[in-house]
Amino acid sequence: MSDNQTIVSREACIQTATLGGGCFWCLEPIFEELTGVLDVVVGYAGGKVPKPNYQQVCSGMTGHAEVVQIKFDSSLISFEDLLWVFFSVHDPTTLNRQGADIGKQYRSIILYHDAGQKMVAEKVLEKIAEQRLWPNPVVTEIIPMEAFYEAEEYHQEYFRKNPYQGYCSVVITPKISKFRIKFQNRLKKPENR
């Protein structure tokens, strides 16, 4: 295989996933640690107001969810693998809420980028229901990805920049610790994080 074929093949494996499961500060550092994840950006999606800001989204009036947009290499991690991580790091049975974070912006949501992602998301939800992984019904929305708006700069890599901030210490650090134990075989090497 020539170098050009390798580049084209690699580019064909690059995909995007958009997921919301509570505060985006919690999801971003988790997905950044997975082998095969190339980039994670926090933002807003699933609403009707163009280019919302954080205050507008928090008001609940725009309909957006706080989400992470994940660029990943599907030859190293599949969309289904991302969804299993997603469902293990948030509670998909609480409507418009994650822990103390309450509001439509904190809802559980999968915004699919193509028909294949929609099919995979539906399949994973069926497996979750069959296996009764949660005591209550899953309320995760599965909707088409229409528009993603990158959140303000101070939200990007928030946990990395503010690890000792109260919310980070009390909520995010324990969540990351549990994630690292459960998915230790899927993590990037420390030097690549």
N, C-alpha and C. Protein backbone atom coordinates (compact mmCIF):
# COMPACT_ATOMS: atom_id res chain seq x y z
N MET A 1 0.84 -1.18 0.00
CA MET A 1 0.00 0.00 0.00
C MET A 1 0.88 1.24 0.00
N SER A 2 0.55 2.16 -0.87
CA SER A 2 1.34 3.39 -0.95
C SER A 2 0.99 4.33 0.20
N ASP A 3 1.84 5.34 0.40
CA ASP A 3 1.57 6.34 1.44
C ASP A 3 0.25 7.04 1.20
N ASN A 4 -0.07 7.32 -0.09
CA ASN A 4 -1.34 7.99 -0.40
C ASN A 4 -2.52 7.12 -0.02
N GLN A 5 -2.43 5.81 -0.27
CA GLN A 5 -3.51 4.90 0.09
C GLN A 5 -3.66 4.84 1.61
N THR A 6 -2.54 4.86 2.34
CA THR A 6 -2.59 4.85 3.80
C THR A 6 -3.29 6.09 4.31
N ILE A 7 -2.96 7.25 3.74
CA ILE A 7 -3.58 8.51 4.16
C ILE A 7 -5.08 8.48 3.88
N VAL A 8 -5.47 8.04 2.66
CA VAL A 8 -6.89 7.97 2.32
C VAL A 8 -7.60 6.98 3.25
N SER A 9 -7.00 5.83 3.52
CA SER A 9 -7.62 4.85 4.39
C SER A 9 -7.79 5.41 5.80
N ARG A 10 -6.77 6.09 6.30
CA ARG A 10 -6.84 6.68 7.63
C ARG A 10 -7.94 7.73 7.70
N GLU A 11 -8.02 8.59 6.68
CA GLU A 11 -9.06 9.62 6.66
C GLU A 11 -10.45 9.00 6.62
N ALA A 12 -10.60 7.87 5.92
CA ALA A 12 -11.90 7.20 5.84
C ALA A 12 -12.33 6.66 7.20
N CYS A 13 -11.39 6.44 8.09
CA CYS A 13 -11.70 5.92 9.42
C CYS A 13 -12.05 7.01 10.43
N ILE A 14 -11.82 8.27 10.09
CA ILE A 14 -12.10 9.37 11.02
C ILE A 14 -13.59 9.66 10.99
N GLN A 15 -14.21 9.57 12.16
CA GLN A 15 -15.64 9.82 12.29
C GLN A 15 -15.89 10.80 13.42
N THR A 16 -17.12 11.25 13.52
CA THR A 16 -17.53 12.18 14.57
C THR A 16 -18.74 11.63 15.29
N ALA A 17 -18.72 11.73 16.61
CA ALA A 17 -19.87 11.37 17.45
C ALA A 17 -20.22 12.59 18.29
N THR A 18 -21.51 12.78 18.53
CA THR A 18 -21.96 13.89 19.37
C THR A 18 -22.90 13.34 20.43
N LEU A 19 -22.50 13.51 21.70
CA LEU A 19 -23.21 12.90 22.82
C LEU A 19 -23.41 13.90 23.95
N GLY A 20 -24.55 13.81 24.61
CA GLY A 20 -24.81 14.63 25.78
C GLY A 20 -25.30 13.77 26.93
N GLY A 21 -24.70 13.93 28.07
CA GLY A 21 -25.08 13.15 29.24
C GLY A 21 -24.78 13.92 30.51
N GLY A 22 -25.40 15.06 30.67
CA GLY A 22 -25.12 15.91 31.82
C GLY A 22 -24.13 16.99 31.46
N CYS A 23 -23.41 17.44 32.45
CA CYS A 23 -22.45 18.52 32.28
C CYS A 23 -21.33 18.10 31.32
N PHE A 24 -21.05 18.93 30.33
CA PHE A 24 -20.00 18.57 29.38
C PHE A 24 -18.62 18.56 30.01
N TRP A 25 -18.44 19.26 31.12
CA TRP A 25 -17.16 19.20 31.83
C TRP A 25 -16.84 17.78 32.28
N CYS A 26 -17.88 16.99 32.58
CA CYS A 26 -17.68 15.60 33.05
C CYS A 26 -17.31 14.66 31.91
N LEU A 27 -17.94 14.85 30.77
CA LEU A 27 -17.74 13.91 29.66
C LEU A 27 -16.42 14.13 28.93
N GLU A 28 -16.03 15.38 28.77
CA GLU A 28 -14.84 15.69 27.97
C GLU A 28 -13.59 14.95 28.45
N PRO A 29 -13.20 15.01 29.74
CA PRO A 29 -11.96 14.35 30.15
C PRO A 29 -12.03 12.83 30.04
N ILE A 30 -13.21 12.27 30.14
CA ILE A 30 -13.36 10.82 30.02
C ILE A 30 -13.07 10.38 28.59
N PHE A 31 -13.74 10.98 27.63
CA PHE A 31 -13.54 10.56 26.24
C PHE A 31 -12.14 10.89 25.73
N GLU A 32 -11.53 11.94 26.26
CA GLU A 32 -10.16 12.29 25.84
C GLU A 32 -9.16 11.18 26.16
N GLU A 33 -9.45 10.36 27.16
CA GLU A 33 -8.51 9.33 27.59
C GLU A 33 -8.61 8.02 26.80
N LEU A 34 -9.60 7.89 25.95
CA LEU A 34 -9.80 6.63 25.22
C LEU A 34 -8.88 6.50 24.01
N THR A 35 -8.27 5.35 23.85
CA THR A 35 -7.49 5.05 22.66
C THR A 35 -8.40 5.17 21.44
N GLY A 36 -7.95 5.86 20.44
CA GLY A 36 -8.73 6.04 19.22
C GLY A 36 -9.45 7.36 19.15
N VAL A 37 -9.58 8.04 20.29
CA VAL A 37 -10.21 9.36 20.28
C VAL A 37 -9.14 10.39 19.95
N LEU A 38 -9.41 11.18 18.93
CA LEU A 38 -8.44 12.16 18.44
C LEU A 38 -8.65 13.56 19.00
N ASP A 39 -9.91 13.90 19.25
CA ASP A 39 -10.20 15.24 19.74
C ASP A 39 -11.59 15.24 20.37
N VAL A 40 -11.76 16.06 21.40
CA VAL A 40 -13.06 16.24 22.05
C VAL A 40 -13.27 17.73 22.23
N VAL A 41 -14.43 18.20 21.78
CA VAL A 41 -14.79 19.62 21.89
C VAL A 41 -16.13 19.69 22.60
N VAL A 42 -16.26 20.59 23.58
CA VAL A 42 -17.55 20.76 24.25
C VAL A 42 -18.35 21.84 23.55
N GLY A 43 -19.67 21.64 23.55
CA GLY A 43 -20.52 22.61 22.88
C GLY A 43 -21.99 22.36 23.14
N TYR A 44 -22.81 22.87 22.24
CA TYR A 44 -24.26 22.82 22.37
C TYR A 44 -24.86 22.27 21.09
N ALA A 45 -25.88 21.41 21.25
CA ALA A 45 -26.57 20.84 20.08
C ALA A 45 -27.97 20.41 20.50
N GLY A 46 -28.80 20.18 19.51
CA GLY A 46 -30.14 19.66 19.77
C GLY A 46 -31.18 20.72 20.04
N GLY A 47 -30.84 21.99 19.84
CA GLY A 47 -31.79 23.07 20.08
C GLY A 47 -32.15 23.78 18.79
N LYS A 48 -32.87 24.87 18.94
CA LYS A 48 -33.39 25.59 17.76
C LYS A 48 -32.81 26.99 17.58
N VAL A 49 -32.14 27.52 18.57
CA VAL A 49 -31.60 28.88 18.48
C VAL A 49 -30.19 28.82 17.91
N PRO A 50 -29.89 29.53 16.83
CA PRO A 50 -28.54 29.50 16.27
C PRO A 50 -27.53 30.21 17.18
N LYS A 51 -26.34 29.64 17.25
CA LYS A 51 -25.21 30.21 17.97
C LYS A 51 -25.53 30.65 19.41
N PRO A 52 -26.06 29.74 20.22
CA PRO A 52 -26.38 30.13 21.59
C PRO A 52 -25.12 30.29 22.43
N ASN A 53 -25.23 31.07 23.50
CA ASN A 53 -24.13 31.13 24.45
C ASN A 53 -24.52 30.35 25.71
N TYR A 54 -23.59 30.22 26.62
CA TYR A 54 -23.80 29.40 27.81
C TYR A 54 -25.00 29.88 28.63
N GLN A 55 -25.13 31.17 28.83
CA GLN A 55 -26.24 31.70 29.62
C GLN A 55 -27.58 31.37 28.96
N GLN A 56 -27.65 31.47 27.65
CA GLN A 56 -28.89 31.15 26.94
C GLN A 56 -29.23 29.68 27.08
N VAL A 57 -28.23 28.82 26.94
CA VAL A 57 -28.46 27.38 27.05
C VAL A 57 -28.92 27.04 28.47
N CYS A 58 -28.27 27.63 29.48
CA CYS A 58 -28.64 27.37 30.88
C CYS A 58 -30.04 27.85 31.22
N SER A 59 -30.56 28.82 30.47
CA SER A 59 -31.92 29.32 30.73
C SER A 59 -32.96 28.26 30.37
N GLY A 60 -32.57 27.29 29.54
CA GLY A 60 -33.51 26.27 29.09
C GLY A 60 -34.37 26.71 27.93
N MET A 61 -34.20 27.92 27.47
CA MET A 61 -35.06 28.46 26.42
C MET A 61 -34.62 28.10 25.00
N THR A 62 -33.38 27.64 24.83
CA THR A 62 -32.90 27.36 23.47
C THR A 62 -33.15 25.91 23.05
N GLY A 63 -33.37 25.03 24.02
CA GLY A 63 -33.58 23.62 23.71
C GLY A 63 -32.29 22.82 23.52
N HIS A 64 -31.15 23.47 23.63
CA HIS A 64 -29.88 22.77 23.43
C HIS A 64 -29.50 21.93 24.63
N ALA A 65 -28.70 20.92 24.38
CA ALA A 65 -28.06 20.12 25.42
C ALA A 65 -26.58 20.46 25.43
N GLU A 66 -25.98 20.35 26.60
CA GLU A 66 -24.52 20.41 26.68
C GLU A 66 -24.02 19.08 26.13
N VAL A 67 -23.13 19.13 25.15
CA VAL A 67 -22.66 17.91 24.49
C VAL A 67 -21.14 17.94 24.32
N VAL A 68 -20.63 16.76 24.01
CA VAL A 68 -19.24 16.66 23.56
C VAL A 68 -19.28 16.17 22.12
N GLN A 69 -18.43 16.76 21.28
CA GLN A 69 -18.28 16.28 19.92
C GLN A 69 -16.92 15.60 19.87
N ILE A 70 -16.95 14.32 19.51
CA ILE A 70 -15.78 13.45 19.59
C ILE A 70 -15.34 13.08 18.19
N LYS A 71 -14.11 13.40 17.86
CA LYS A 71 -13.51 12.94 16.60
C LYS A 71 -12.72 11.69 16.95
N PHE A 72 -13.01 10.57 16.24
CA PHE A 72 -12.38 9.31 16.60
C PHE A 72 -11.98 8.50 15.36
N ASP A 73 -11.02 7.62 15.56
CA ASP A 73 -10.54 6.73 14.51
C ASP A 73 -11.28 5.41 14.68
N SER A 74 -12.20 5.12 13.78
CA SER A 74 -13.05 3.94 13.91
C SER A 74 -12.28 2.63 13.71
N SER A 75 -11.03 2.71 13.26
CA SER A 75 -10.21 1.49 13.19
C SER A 75 -9.65 1.13 14.56
N LEU A 76 -9.73 2.09 15.51
CA LEU A 76 -9.21 1.87 16.86
C LEU A 76 -10.31 1.79 17.92
N ILE A 77 -11.40 2.48 17.69
CA ILE A 77 -12.55 2.44 18.61
C ILE A 77 -13.80 2.67 17.79
N SER A 78 -14.81 1.86 18.01
CA SER A 78 -16.04 1.97 17.23
C SER A 78 -17.02 2.93 17.88
N PHE A 79 -18.00 3.35 17.12
CA PHE A 79 -19.07 4.18 17.66
C PHE A 79 -19.80 3.42 18.76
N GLU A 80 -20.00 2.13 18.57
CA GLU A 80 -20.66 1.32 19.60
C GLU A 80 -19.84 1.31 20.89
N ASP A 81 -18.51 1.18 20.78
CA ASP A 81 -17.65 1.23 21.97
C ASP A 81 -17.82 2.57 22.70
N LEU A 82 -17.86 3.65 21.94
CA LEU A 82 -18.07 4.97 22.56
C LEU A 82 -19.40 5.02 23.31
N LEU A 83 -20.43 4.41 22.73
CA LEU A 83 -21.74 4.42 23.39
C LEU A 83 -21.74 3.61 24.68
N TRP A 84 -21.02 2.49 24.70
CA TRP A 84 -20.97 1.71 25.94
C TRP A 84 -20.26 2.50 27.04
N VAL A 85 -19.22 3.24 26.67
CA VAL A 85 -18.58 4.12 27.66
C VAL A 85 -19.58 5.19 28.10
N PHE A 86 -20.22 5.83 27.14
CA PHE A 86 -21.20 6.88 27.40
C PHE A 86 -22.25 6.41 28.41
N PHE A 87 -22.81 5.22 28.19
CA PHE A 87 -23.87 4.74 29.07
C PHE A 87 -23.35 4.29 30.43
N SER A 88 -22.05 4.11 30.55
CA SER A 88 -21.50 3.70 31.85
C SER A 88 -21.09 4.89 32.71
N VAL A 89 -21.01 6.09 32.13
CA VAL A 89 -20.52 7.25 32.89
C VAL A 89 -21.61 8.28 33.18
N HIS A 90 -22.85 7.99 32.83
CA HIS A 90 -23.96 8.86 33.22
C HIS A 90 -25.20 8.02 33.40
N ASP A 91 -26.21 8.59 34.03
CA ASP A 91 -27.47 7.88 34.28
C ASP A 91 -28.46 8.24 33.17
N PRO A 92 -28.70 7.32 32.24
CA PRO A 92 -29.59 7.63 31.11
C PRO A 92 -31.07 7.48 31.45
N THR A 93 -31.39 7.29 32.73
CA THR A 93 -32.79 7.09 33.12
C THR A 93 -33.40 8.32 33.78
N THR A 94 -32.62 9.36 33.98
CA THR A 94 -33.17 10.57 34.61
C THR A 94 -33.44 11.61 33.54
N LEU A 95 -34.67 12.04 33.45
CA LEU A 95 -35.08 12.98 32.42
C LEU A 95 -34.60 14.39 32.77
N ASN A 96 -33.83 14.96 31.85
CA ASN A 96 -33.36 16.34 32.01
C ASN A 96 -32.61 16.56 33.32
N ARG A 97 -31.78 15.59 33.66
CA ARG A 97 -31.06 15.70 34.92
C ARG A 97 -29.89 14.72 34.97
N GLN A 98 -28.81 15.16 35.63
CA GLN A 98 -27.71 14.30 36.02
C GLN A 98 -27.28 14.75 37.41
N GLY A 99 -27.57 13.93 38.40
CA GLY A 99 -27.23 14.30 39.77
C GLY A 99 -27.89 15.61 40.15
N ALA A 100 -27.07 16.56 40.63
CA ALA A 100 -27.59 17.86 41.05
C ALA A 100 -27.79 18.82 39.88
N ASP A 101 -27.34 18.45 38.69
CA ASP A 101 -27.50 19.29 37.50
C ASP A 101 -28.89 19.03 36.91
N ILE A 102 -29.75 20.03 36.96
CA ILE A 102 -31.13 19.87 36.53
C ILE A 102 -31.44 20.86 35.41
N GLY A 103 -32.09 20.35 34.37
CA GLY A 103 -32.50 21.19 33.25
C GLY A 103 -32.36 20.42 31.95
N LYS A 104 -33.10 20.85 30.94
CA LYS A 104 -33.09 20.17 29.64
C LYS A 104 -31.69 20.11 29.03
N GLN A 105 -30.84 21.09 29.38
CA GLN A 105 -29.48 21.11 28.83
C GLN A 105 -28.64 19.93 29.34
N TYR A 106 -29.10 19.25 30.39
CA TYR A 106 -28.36 18.11 30.96
C TYR A 106 -28.96 16.77 30.56
N ARG A 107 -29.83 16.76 29.57
CA ARG A 107 -30.49 15.52 29.18
C ARG A 107 -29.52 14.54 28.53
N SER A 108 -29.91 13.28 28.53
CA SER A 108 -29.15 12.22 27.86
C SER A 108 -29.58 12.21 26.39
N ILE A 109 -28.59 12.38 25.51
CA ILE A 109 -28.91 12.53 24.09
C ILE A 109 -27.79 12.01 23.20
N ILE A 110 -28.17 11.32 22.14
CA ILE A 110 -27.24 10.89 21.09
C ILE A 110 -27.69 11.60 19.82
N LEU A 111 -26.80 12.38 19.24
CA LEU A 111 -27.10 13.07 18.00
C LEU A 111 -26.34 12.35 16.88
N TYR A 112 -27.06 11.54 16.12
CA TYR A 112 -26.38 10.71 15.12
C TYR A 112 -26.04 11.50 13.87
N HIS A 113 -24.88 11.14 13.28
CA HIS A 113 -24.38 11.83 12.09
C HIS A 113 -24.76 11.13 10.79
N ASP A 114 -25.21 9.89 10.89
CA ASP A 114 -25.63 9.16 9.70
C ASP A 114 -26.53 8.00 10.11
N ALA A 115 -27.10 7.33 9.11
CA ALA A 115 -28.03 6.22 9.39
C ALA A 115 -27.35 5.08 10.13
N GLY A 116 -26.08 4.87 9.86
CA GLY A 116 -25.34 3.81 10.56
C GLY A 116 -25.25 4.08 12.05
N GLN A 117 -24.96 5.32 12.43
CA GLN A 117 -24.89 5.67 13.84
C GLN A 117 -26.26 5.53 14.50
N LYS A 118 -27.31 5.91 13.80
CA LYS A 118 -28.66 5.76 14.35
C LYS A 118 -28.96 4.30 14.64
N MET A 119 -28.62 3.43 13.69
CA MET A 119 -28.87 2.00 13.85
C MET A 119 -28.09 1.43 15.03
N VAL A 120 -26.82 1.82 15.16
CA VAL A 120 -25.99 1.35 16.27
C VAL A 120 -26.56 1.84 17.61
N ALA A 121 -26.97 3.10 17.67
CA ALA A 121 -27.53 3.65 18.90
C ALA A 121 -28.79 2.90 19.31
N GLU A 122 -29.66 2.63 18.36
CA GLU A 122 -30.89 1.89 18.65
C GLU A 122 -30.58 0.47 19.12
N LYS A 123 -29.57 -0.15 18.50
CA LYS A 123 -29.17 -1.51 18.89
C LYS A 123 -28.63 -1.53 20.32
N VAL A 124 -27.81 -0.56 20.67
CA VAL A 124 -27.26 -0.50 22.02
C VAL A 124 -28.38 -0.29 23.04
N LEU A 125 -29.33 0.59 22.72
CA LEU A 125 -30.45 0.80 23.64
C LEU A 125 -31.28 -0.48 23.81
N GLU A 126 -31.45 -1.23 22.75
CA GLU A 126 -32.16 -2.52 22.85
C GLU A 126 -31.41 -3.47 23.77
N LYS A 127 -30.09 -3.55 23.62
CA LYS A 127 -29.29 -4.43 24.48
C LYS A 127 -29.39 -4.01 25.94
N ILE A 128 -29.36 -2.71 26.19
CA ILE A 128 -29.46 -2.20 27.56
C ILE A 128 -30.80 -2.62 28.16
N ALA A 129 -31.87 -2.50 27.37
CA ALA A 129 -33.20 -2.89 27.86
C ALA A 129 -33.27 -4.40 28.12
N GLU A 130 -32.73 -5.19 27.18
CA GLU A 130 -32.74 -6.65 27.34
C GLU A 130 -31.97 -7.09 28.58
N GLN A 131 -30.82 -6.47 28.79
CA GLN A 131 -29.95 -6.86 29.91
C GLN A 131 -30.37 -6.21 31.22
N ARG A 132 -31.36 -5.34 31.16
CA ARG A 132 -31.85 -4.62 32.35
C ARG A 132 -30.70 -4.02 33.16
N LEU A 133 -29.87 -3.27 32.46
CA LEU A 133 -28.71 -2.66 33.10
C LEU A 133 -29.09 -1.54 34.05
N TRP A 134 -30.27 -0.98 33.86
CA TRP A 134 -30.75 0.10 34.73
C TRP A 134 -32.09 -0.31 35.30
N PRO A 135 -32.38 0.03 36.55
CA PRO A 135 -33.65 -0.35 37.15
C PRO A 135 -34.85 0.41 36.56
N ASN A 136 -34.60 1.58 35.96
CA ASN A 136 -35.66 2.39 35.37
C ASN A 136 -35.46 2.47 33.86
N PRO A 137 -36.51 2.83 33.12
CA PRO A 137 -36.38 2.92 31.66
C PRO A 137 -35.38 4.01 31.24
N VAL A 138 -34.67 3.73 30.17
CA VAL A 138 -33.73 4.69 29.60
C VAL A 138 -34.52 5.75 28.84
N VAL A 139 -34.16 7.03 29.06
CA VAL A 139 -34.86 8.15 28.41
C VAL A 139 -33.98 8.89 27.41
N THR A 140 -32.88 8.28 27.03
CA THR A 140 -31.94 8.91 26.10
C THR A 140 -32.62 9.21 24.77
N GLU A 141 -32.50 10.44 24.32
CA GLU A 141 -33.02 10.83 23.00
C GLU A 141 -32.03 10.39 21.93
N ILE A 142 -32.55 9.95 20.80
CA ILE A 142 -31.72 9.68 19.63
C ILE A 142 -32.31 10.53 18.51
N ILE A 143 -31.55 11.57 18.12
CA ILE A 143 -32.05 12.49 17.10
C ILE A 143 -30.93 12.78 16.10
N PRO A 144 -31.29 13.25 14.90
CA PRO A 144 -30.25 13.57 13.91
C PRO A 144 -29.45 14.80 14.34
N MET A 145 -28.17 14.78 14.02
CA MET A 145 -27.29 15.92 14.27
C MET A 145 -27.59 16.99 13.23
N GLU A 146 -27.98 18.16 13.69
CA GLU A 146 -28.26 19.25 12.76
C GLU A 146 -27.20 20.33 12.84
N ALA A 147 -26.95 20.83 14.04
CA ALA A 147 -25.95 21.89 14.19
C ALA A 147 -25.25 21.75 15.53
N PHE A 148 -23.96 21.94 15.51
CA PHE A 148 -23.14 21.92 16.72
C PHE A 148 -22.51 23.29 16.87
N TYR A 149 -22.61 23.84 18.07
CA TYR A 149 -22.02 25.14 18.36
C TYR A 149 -20.99 24.97 19.45
N GLU A 150 -19.76 25.27 19.13
CA GLU A 150 -18.67 25.12 20.10
C GLU A 150 -18.90 26.06 21.28
N ALA A 151 -18.72 25.52 22.48
CA ALA A 151 -18.88 26.33 23.69
C ALA A 151 -17.74 27.33 23.81
N GLU A 152 -17.93 28.29 24.67
CA GLU A 152 -16.95 29.32 24.91
C GLU A 152 -15.62 28.70 25.32
N GLU A 153 -14.53 29.40 25.05
CA GLU A 153 -13.18 28.89 25.29
C GLU A 153 -12.98 28.44 26.74
N TYR A 154 -13.52 29.15 27.71
CA TYR A 154 -13.27 28.77 29.10
C TYR A 154 -13.89 27.43 29.48
N HIS A 155 -14.81 26.91 28.66
CA HIS A 155 -15.38 25.59 28.91
C HIS A 155 -14.50 24.47 28.34
N GLN A 156 -13.67 24.77 27.35
CA GLN A 156 -12.85 23.76 26.70
C GLN A 156 -11.75 23.30 27.68
N GLU A 157 -11.62 21.98 27.81
CA GLU A 157 -10.62 21.37 28.71
C GLU A 157 -10.73 21.92 30.13
N TYR A 158 -11.96 22.14 30.55
CA TYR A 158 -12.21 22.76 31.86
C TYR A 158 -11.59 21.95 33.00
N PHE A 159 -11.80 20.65 32.99
CA PHE A 159 -11.28 19.83 34.08
C PHE A 159 -9.75 19.87 34.12
N ARG A 160 -9.12 19.78 32.96
CA ARG A 160 -7.66 19.81 32.92
C ARG A 160 -7.12 21.14 33.47
N LYS A 161 -7.81 22.23 33.17
CA LYS A 161 -7.36 23.54 33.61
C LYS A 161 -7.73 23.85 35.06
N ASN A 162 -8.75 23.16 35.61
CA ASN A 162 -9.29 23.48 36.94
C ASN A 162 -9.51 22.23 37.79
N PRO A 163 -8.54 21.34 37.91
CA PRO A 163 -8.79 20.07 38.59
C PRO A 163 -9.18 20.20 40.07
N TYR A 164 -8.81 21.30 40.70
CA TYR A 164 -9.09 21.46 42.13
C TYR A 164 -10.29 22.35 42.41
N GLN A 165 -10.95 22.82 41.38
CA GLN A 165 -12.18 23.58 41.55
C GLN A 165 -13.20 22.64 42.21
N GLY A 166 -14.11 23.16 43.04
CA GLY A 166 -15.03 22.34 43.83
C GLY A 166 -15.79 21.29 43.04
N TYR A 167 -16.47 21.68 41.97
CA TYR A 167 -17.26 20.73 41.17
C TYR A 167 -16.36 19.65 40.58
N CYS A 168 -15.19 20.06 40.12
CA CYS A 168 -14.25 19.10 39.53
C CYS A 168 -13.81 18.07 40.56
N SER A 169 -13.45 18.53 41.76
CA SER A 169 -12.98 17.62 42.80
C SER A 169 -14.06 16.68 43.30
N VAL A 170 -15.25 17.21 43.49
CA VAL A 170 -16.33 16.43 44.10
C VAL A 170 -17.07 15.55 43.10
N VAL A 171 -17.27 16.03 41.88
CA VAL A 171 -18.09 15.30 40.91
C VAL A 171 -17.25 14.61 39.83
N ILE A 172 -16.35 15.36 39.19
CA ILE A 172 -15.65 14.82 38.02
C ILE A 172 -14.54 13.84 38.39
N THR A 173 -13.72 14.17 39.37
CA THR A 173 -12.61 13.28 39.74
C THR A 173 -13.08 11.87 40.10
N PRO A 174 -14.11 11.69 40.95
CA PRO A 174 -14.58 10.33 41.25
C PRO A 174 -15.12 9.61 40.01
N LYS A 175 -15.79 10.36 39.13
CA LYS A 175 -16.34 9.77 37.90
C LYS A 175 -15.20 9.26 37.01
N ILE A 176 -14.14 10.04 36.89
CA ILE A 176 -12.99 9.64 36.07
C ILE A 176 -12.30 8.42 36.70
N SER A 177 -12.19 8.39 38.01
CA SER A 177 -11.54 7.26 38.69
C SER A 177 -12.30 5.95 38.41
N LYS A 178 -13.63 6.00 38.51
CA LYS A 178 -14.44 4.80 38.22
C LYS A 178 -14.28 4.38 36.77
N PHE A 179 -14.31 5.37 35.87
CA PHE A 179 -14.15 5.11 34.45
C PHE A 179 -12.80 4.44 34.17
N ARG A 180 -11.72 4.95 34.76
CA ARG A 180 -10.39 4.39 34.51
C ARG A 180 -10.28 2.95 34.96
N ILE A 181 -10.93 2.61 36.04
CA ILE A 181 -10.91 1.22 36.52
C ILE A 181 -11.68 0.32 35.55
N LYS A 182 -12.87 0.75 35.17
CA LYS A 182 -13.72 -0.07 34.31
C LYS A 182 -13.16 -0.24 32.90
N PHE A 183 -12.50 0.80 32.38
CA PHE A 183 -12.05 0.78 30.99
C PHE A 183 -10.53 0.86 30.86
N GLN A 184 -9.81 0.33 31.85
CA GLN A 184 -8.35 0.48 31.84
C GLN A 184 -7.70 -0.10 30.59
N ASN A 185 -8.30 -1.12 29.99
CA ASN A 185 -7.72 -1.69 28.77
C ASN A 185 -8.01 -0.86 27.52
N ARG A 186 -8.82 0.20 27.65
CA ARG A 186 -9.16 1.06 26.51
C ARG A 186 -8.47 2.42 26.57
N LEU A 187 -7.68 2.65 27.61
CA LEU A 187 -7.09 3.97 27.83
C LEU A 187 -5.82 4.18 27.01
N LYS A 188 -5.61 5.43 26.62
CA LYS A 188 -4.36 5.81 25.98
C LYS A 188 -3.24 5.63 27.01
N LYS A 189 -2.05 5.43 26.52
CA LYS A 189 -0.90 5.40 27.43
C LYS A 189 -0.77 6.78 28.06
N PRO A 190 -0.30 6.84 29.32
CA PRO A 190 -0.23 8.14 30.02
C PRO A 190 0.48 9.24 29.22
N GLU A 191 1.51 8.89 28.49
CA GLU A 191 2.22 9.93 27.73
C GLU A 191 1.41 10.46 26.56
N ASN A 192 0.32 9.75 26.18
CA ASN A 192 -0.51 10.19 25.06
C ASN A 192 -1.80 10.89 25.50
N ARG A 193 -1.97 11.07 26.81
CA ARG A 193 -3.21 11.71 27.30
C ARG A 193 -3.09 13.21 27.25
